[in-house]
C-alpha atoms as a PDB file:
ATOM      1  CA  MET A   1      97.002 142.594-106.006  1.00  0.00           C
ATOM      2  CA  SER A   2      96.750 144.071-102.500  1.00  0.00           C
ATOM      3  CA  PHE A   3      98.906 143.224 -99.517  1.00  0.00           C
ATOM      4  CA  ARG A   4      95.941 141.695 -97.776  1.00  0.00           C
ATOM      5  CA  MET A   5      95.196 139.356-100.740  1.00  0.00           C
ATOM      6  CA  VAL A   6      98.806 138.259-101.024  1.00  0.00           C
ATOM      7  CA  PHE A   7      99.087 137.871 -97.179  1.00  0.00           C
ATOM      8  CA  SER A   8      95.828 135.670 -97.143  1.00  0.00           C
ATOM      9  CA  ALA A   9      97.095 133.496-100.141  1.00  0.00           C
ATOM     10  CA  LEU A  10     100.374 132.904 -98.254  1.00  0.00           C
ATOM     11  CA  ILE A  11      98.692 131.921 -94.978  1.00  0.00           C
ATOM     12  CA  PHE A  12      96.227 129.583 -96.891  1.00  0.00           C
ATOM     13  CA  ALA A  13      99.205 127.965 -98.933  1.00  0.00           C
ATOM     14  CA  GLY A  14     101.098 127.544 -95.550  1.00  0.00           C
ATOM     15  CA  THR A  15      98.124 125.816 -94.016  1.00  0.00           C
ATOM     16  CA  LEU A  16      97.857 123.351 -96.949  1.00  0.00           C
ATOM     17  CA  ALA A  17     101.658 122.625 -96.915  1.00  0.00           C
ATOM     18  CA  ALA A  18     101.870 122.043 -93.198  1.00  0.00           C
ATOM     19  CA  PRO A  19     102.326 118.400 -92.317  1.00  0.00           C
ATOM     20  CA  ALA A  20      99.479 116.768 -90.398  1.00  0.00           C
ATOM     21  CA  ALA A  21     100.158 115.635 -86.834  1.00  0.00           C
ATOM     22  CA  ALA A  22     100.058 111.886 -86.457  1.00  0.00           C
ATOM     23  CA  GLN A  23      96.761 110.747 -85.031  1.00  0.00           C
ATOM     24  CA  MET A  24      96.781 108.208 -82.205  1.00  0.00           C
ATOM     25  CA  GLN A  25      95.663 104.710 -83.051  1.00  0.00           C
ATOM     26  CA  PHE A  26      95.993 101.287 -81.594  1.00  0.00           C
ATOM     27  CA  THR A  27      95.473  97.666 -82.432  1.00  0.00           C
ATOM     28  CA  PHE A  28      94.753  94.506 -80.382  1.00  0.00           C
ATOM     29  CA  ASP A  29      93.332  91.054 -80.870  1.00  0.00           C
ATOM     30  CA  TRP A  30      91.495  88.396 -78.872  1.00  0.00           C
ATOM     31  CA  ALA A  31      94.396  85.849 -79.164  1.00  0.00           C
ATOM     32  CA  GLY A  32      94.539  83.434 -76.246  1.00  0.00           C
ATOM     33  CA  LEU A  33      91.221  84.596 -74.816  1.00  0.00           C
ATOM     34  CA  LYS A  34      89.034  81.802 -73.302  1.00  0.00           C
ATOM     35  CA  LEU A  35      85.739  81.391 -75.259  1.00  0.00           C
ATOM     36  CA  CYS A  36      82.922  82.878 -73.277  1.00  0.00           C
ATOM     37  CA  THR A  37      79.304  83.055 -74.576  1.00  0.00           C
ATOM     38  CA  SER A  38      77.355  82.531 -71.324  1.00  0.00           C
ATOM     39  CA  GLY A  39      76.773  86.159 -70.457  1.00  0.00           C
ATOM     40  CA  ALA A  40      78.945  85.838 -67.372  1.00  0.00           C
ATOM     41  CA  PRO A  41      82.280  87.256 -68.158  1.00  0.00           C
ATOM     42  CA  ASN A  42      85.568  85.981 -66.728  1.00  0.00           C
ATOM     43  CA  LYS A  43      88.146  88.136 -64.985  1.00  0.00           C
ATOM     44  CA  VAL A  44      90.937  88.099 -67.500  1.00  0.00           C
ATOM     45  CA  SER A  45      94.216  89.866 -68.407  1.00  0.00           C
ATOM     46  CA  ASN A  46      94.250  92.573 -71.048  1.00  0.00           C
ATOM     47  CA  PRO A  47      95.327  91.825 -74.522  1.00  0.00           C
ATOM     48  CA  ARG A  48      98.609  93.337 -75.932  1.00  0.00           C
ATOM     49  CA  PHE A  49      97.963  96.878 -77.353  1.00  0.00           C
ATOM     50  CA  LYS A  50     100.190  98.470 -79.884  1.00  0.00           C
ATOM     51  CA  VAL A  51      99.708 102.318 -79.954  1.00  0.00           C
ATOM     52  CA  THR A  52     100.955 104.630 -82.574  1.00  0.00           C
ATOM     53  CA  GLY A  53     100.930 108.387 -82.804  1.00  0.00           C
ATOM     54  CA  LEU A  54     101.232 108.952 -79.132  1.00  0.00           C
ATOM     55  CA  PRO A  55     101.183 112.640 -78.417  1.00  0.00           C
ATOM     56  CA  ALA A  56     104.308 114.154 -76.853  1.00  0.00           C
ATOM     57  CA  GLY A  57     104.217 114.132 -73.061  1.00  0.00           C
ATOM     58  CA  THR A  58     102.265 110.885 -72.850  1.00  0.00           C
ATOM     59  CA  THR A  59     103.321 108.681 -69.886  1.00  0.00           C
ATOM     60  CA  ILE A  60     100.197 106.574 -69.287  1.00  0.00           C
ATOM     61  CA  VAL A  61      97.251 105.352 -71.257  1.00  0.00           C
ATOM     62  CA  GLN A  62      93.957 104.305 -69.821  1.00  0.00           C
ATOM     63  CA  PHE A  63      92.166 101.439 -71.688  1.00  0.00           C
ATOM     64  CA  ARG A  64      88.343 100.762 -71.225  1.00  0.00           C
ATOM     65  CA  LEU A  65      86.272  98.100 -72.868  1.00  0.00           C
ATOM     66  CA  LYS A  66      82.657  98.631 -73.828  1.00  0.00           C
ATOM     67  CA  ASP A  67      80.169  96.098 -75.441  1.00  0.00           C
ATOM     68  CA  LEU A  68      78.376  98.189 -78.108  1.00  0.00           C
ATOM     69  CA  ASP A  69      75.498  95.749 -78.164  1.00  0.00           C
ATOM     70  CA  ALA A  70      75.159  95.992 -74.298  1.00  0.00           C
ATOM     71  CA  PRO A  71      76.547  99.484 -73.476  1.00  0.00           C
ATOM     72  CA  GLY A  72      75.211  99.534 -69.934  1.00  0.00           C
ATOM     73  CA  TYR A  73      77.512  96.782 -68.785  1.00  0.00           C
ATOM     74  CA  ASN A  74      80.815  97.742 -67.239  1.00  0.00           C
ATOM     75  CA  HIS A  75      83.741  95.619 -68.441  1.00  0.00           C
ATOM     76  CA  GLY A  76      86.267  97.786 -66.859  1.00  0.00           C
ATOM     77  CA  GLY A  77      89.890  98.433 -67.947  1.00  0.00           C
ATOM     78  CA  GLY A  78      93.047  99.799 -66.472  1.00  0.00           C
ATOM     79  CA  TRP A  79      96.128 102.054 -66.808  1.00  0.00           C
ATOM     80  CA  VAL A  80      99.325 101.235 -68.471  1.00  0.00           C
ATOM     81  CA  ALA A  81     102.622 103.086 -68.342  1.00  0.00           C
ATOM     82  CA  MET A  82     103.679 103.350 -71.987  1.00  0.00           C
ATOM     83  CA  SER A  83     107.035 101.892 -73.216  1.00  0.00           C
ATOM     84  CA  GLY A  84     108.974 103.976 -75.834  1.00  0.00           C
ATOM     85  CA  ASP A  85     107.678 101.714 -78.636  1.00  0.00           C
ATOM     86  CA  GLY A  86     104.040 102.240 -77.779  1.00  0.00           C
ATOM     87  CA  THR A  87     103.373  98.748 -76.644  1.00  0.00           C
ATOM     88  CA  ALA A  88     101.117  97.905 -73.702  1.00  0.00           C
ATOM     89  CA  PRO A  89     101.971  94.463 -72.803  1.00  0.00           C
ATOM     90  CA  ALA A  90      99.321  91.684 -72.169  1.00  0.00           C
ATOM     91  CA  GLY A  91      98.598  91.083 -68.590  1.00  0.00           C
ATOM     92  CA  ALA A  92      99.136  94.633 -67.329  1.00  0.00           C
ATOM     93  CA  PHE A  93      95.682  94.805 -65.838  1.00  0.00           C
ATOM     94  CA  SER A  94      92.481  92.703 -65.494  1.00  0.00           C
ATOM     95  CA  TYR A  95      89.006  93.347 -66.873  1.00  0.00           C
ATOM     96  CA  LYS A  96      85.813  91.471 -67.441  1.00  0.00           C
ATOM     97  CA  SER A  97      86.085  89.471 -70.637  1.00  0.00           C
ATOM     98  CA  PRO A  98      83.771  89.889 -73.607  1.00  0.00           C
ATOM     99  CA  CYS A  99      81.080  87.205 -73.092  1.00  0.00           C
ATOM    100  CA  PRO A 100      77.956  87.698 -75.233  1.00  0.00           C
ATOM    101  CA  PRO A 101      74.931  85.603 -74.151  1.00  0.00           C
ATOM    102  CA  ASN A 102      73.218  85.670 -77.545  1.00  0.00           C
ATOM    103  CA  GLY A 103      75.557  85.509 -80.580  1.00  0.00           C
ATOM    104  CA  THR A 104      78.365  87.878 -81.674  1.00  0.00           C
ATOM    105  CA  HIS A 105      78.755  91.311 -80.145  1.00  0.00           C
ATOM    106  CA  THR A 106      80.900  94.227 -81.208  1.00  0.00           C
ATOM    107  CA  TYR A 107      83.323  95.401 -78.480  1.00  0.00           C
ATOM    108  CA  GLU A 108      85.174  98.729 -78.448  1.00  0.00           C
ATOM    109  CA  TRP A 109      88.377  99.454 -76.548  1.00  0.00           C
ATOM    110  CA  THR A 110      88.936 103.260 -75.887  1.00  0.00           C
ATOM    111  CA  ALA A 111      92.509 104.420 -75.165  1.00  0.00           C
ATOM    112  CA  THR A 112      93.035 107.687 -73.414  1.00  0.00           C
ATOM    113  CA  ALA A 113      96.612 109.170 -73.434  1.00  0.00           C
ATOM    114  CA  LYS A 114      97.486 111.262 -70.482  1.00  0.00           C
ATOM    115  CA  SER A 115     100.475 113.047 -69.103  1.00  0.00           C
ATOM    116  CA  LYS A 116      99.996 111.259 -65.712  1.00  0.00           C
ATOM    117  CA  LYS A 117      97.185 109.163 -64.141  1.00  0.00           C
ATOM    118  CA  ASN A 118      94.871 112.166 -63.217  1.00  0.00           C
ATOM    119  CA  GLY A 119      96.543 114.486 -65.789  1.00  0.00           C
ATOM    120  CA  LYS A 120      95.320 116.214 -68.877  1.00  0.00           C
ATOM    121  CA  VAL A 121      93.858 114.164 -71.739  1.00  0.00           C
ATOM    122  CA  LEU A 122      96.302 114.445 -74.645  1.00  0.00           C
ATOM    123  CA  ALA A 123      94.476 112.168 -77.138  1.00  0.00           C
ATOM    124  CA  LYS A 124      91.772 109.391 -77.455  1.00  0.00           C
ATOM    125  CA  ALA A 125      91.321 106.606 -79.901  1.00  0.00           C
ATOM    126  CA  THR A 126      89.160 103.568 -80.254  1.00  0.00           C
ATOM    127  CA  ALA A 127      89.364 100.097 -81.864  1.00  0.00           C
ATOM    128  CA  ARG A 128      86.653  97.662 -82.359  1.00  0.00           C
ATOM    129  CA  ARG A 129      86.333  93.850 -82.850  1.00  0.00           C
ATOM    130  CA  LYS A 130      83.667  91.447 -82.897  1.00  0.00           C
ATOM    131  CA  TYR A 131      83.584  88.551 -80.292  1.00  0.00           C
ATOM    132  CA  PRO A 132      83.415  85.671 -80.659  1.00  0.00           C
END
């Protein structure tokens, strides 16, 4: 077996054995959110977010809400300084609540981890839920 073949096999085996980096994920729920189905959203406080797999150097996470059934509507979001346990507390910012005028819609929060407010994007994750 040539040196090149042995070297290539070692590199390939090392790639397979290397542990995967944790992928950023988060959870939320609509608990305590006032029911809204009129199509005229309320200004409300954000839900509690629990983020896991935050990249090293993350100090702030931006959260944005999008209605996947009406993607042109801007629900807004906000910035949260992250605690050591990855919790973004409820009430850290205000946004326009989910409020579909015609049945259930699917809403998606996007979380963007950054080193500072206008810093480099370190990771992004999304989480979806139907409302109501």
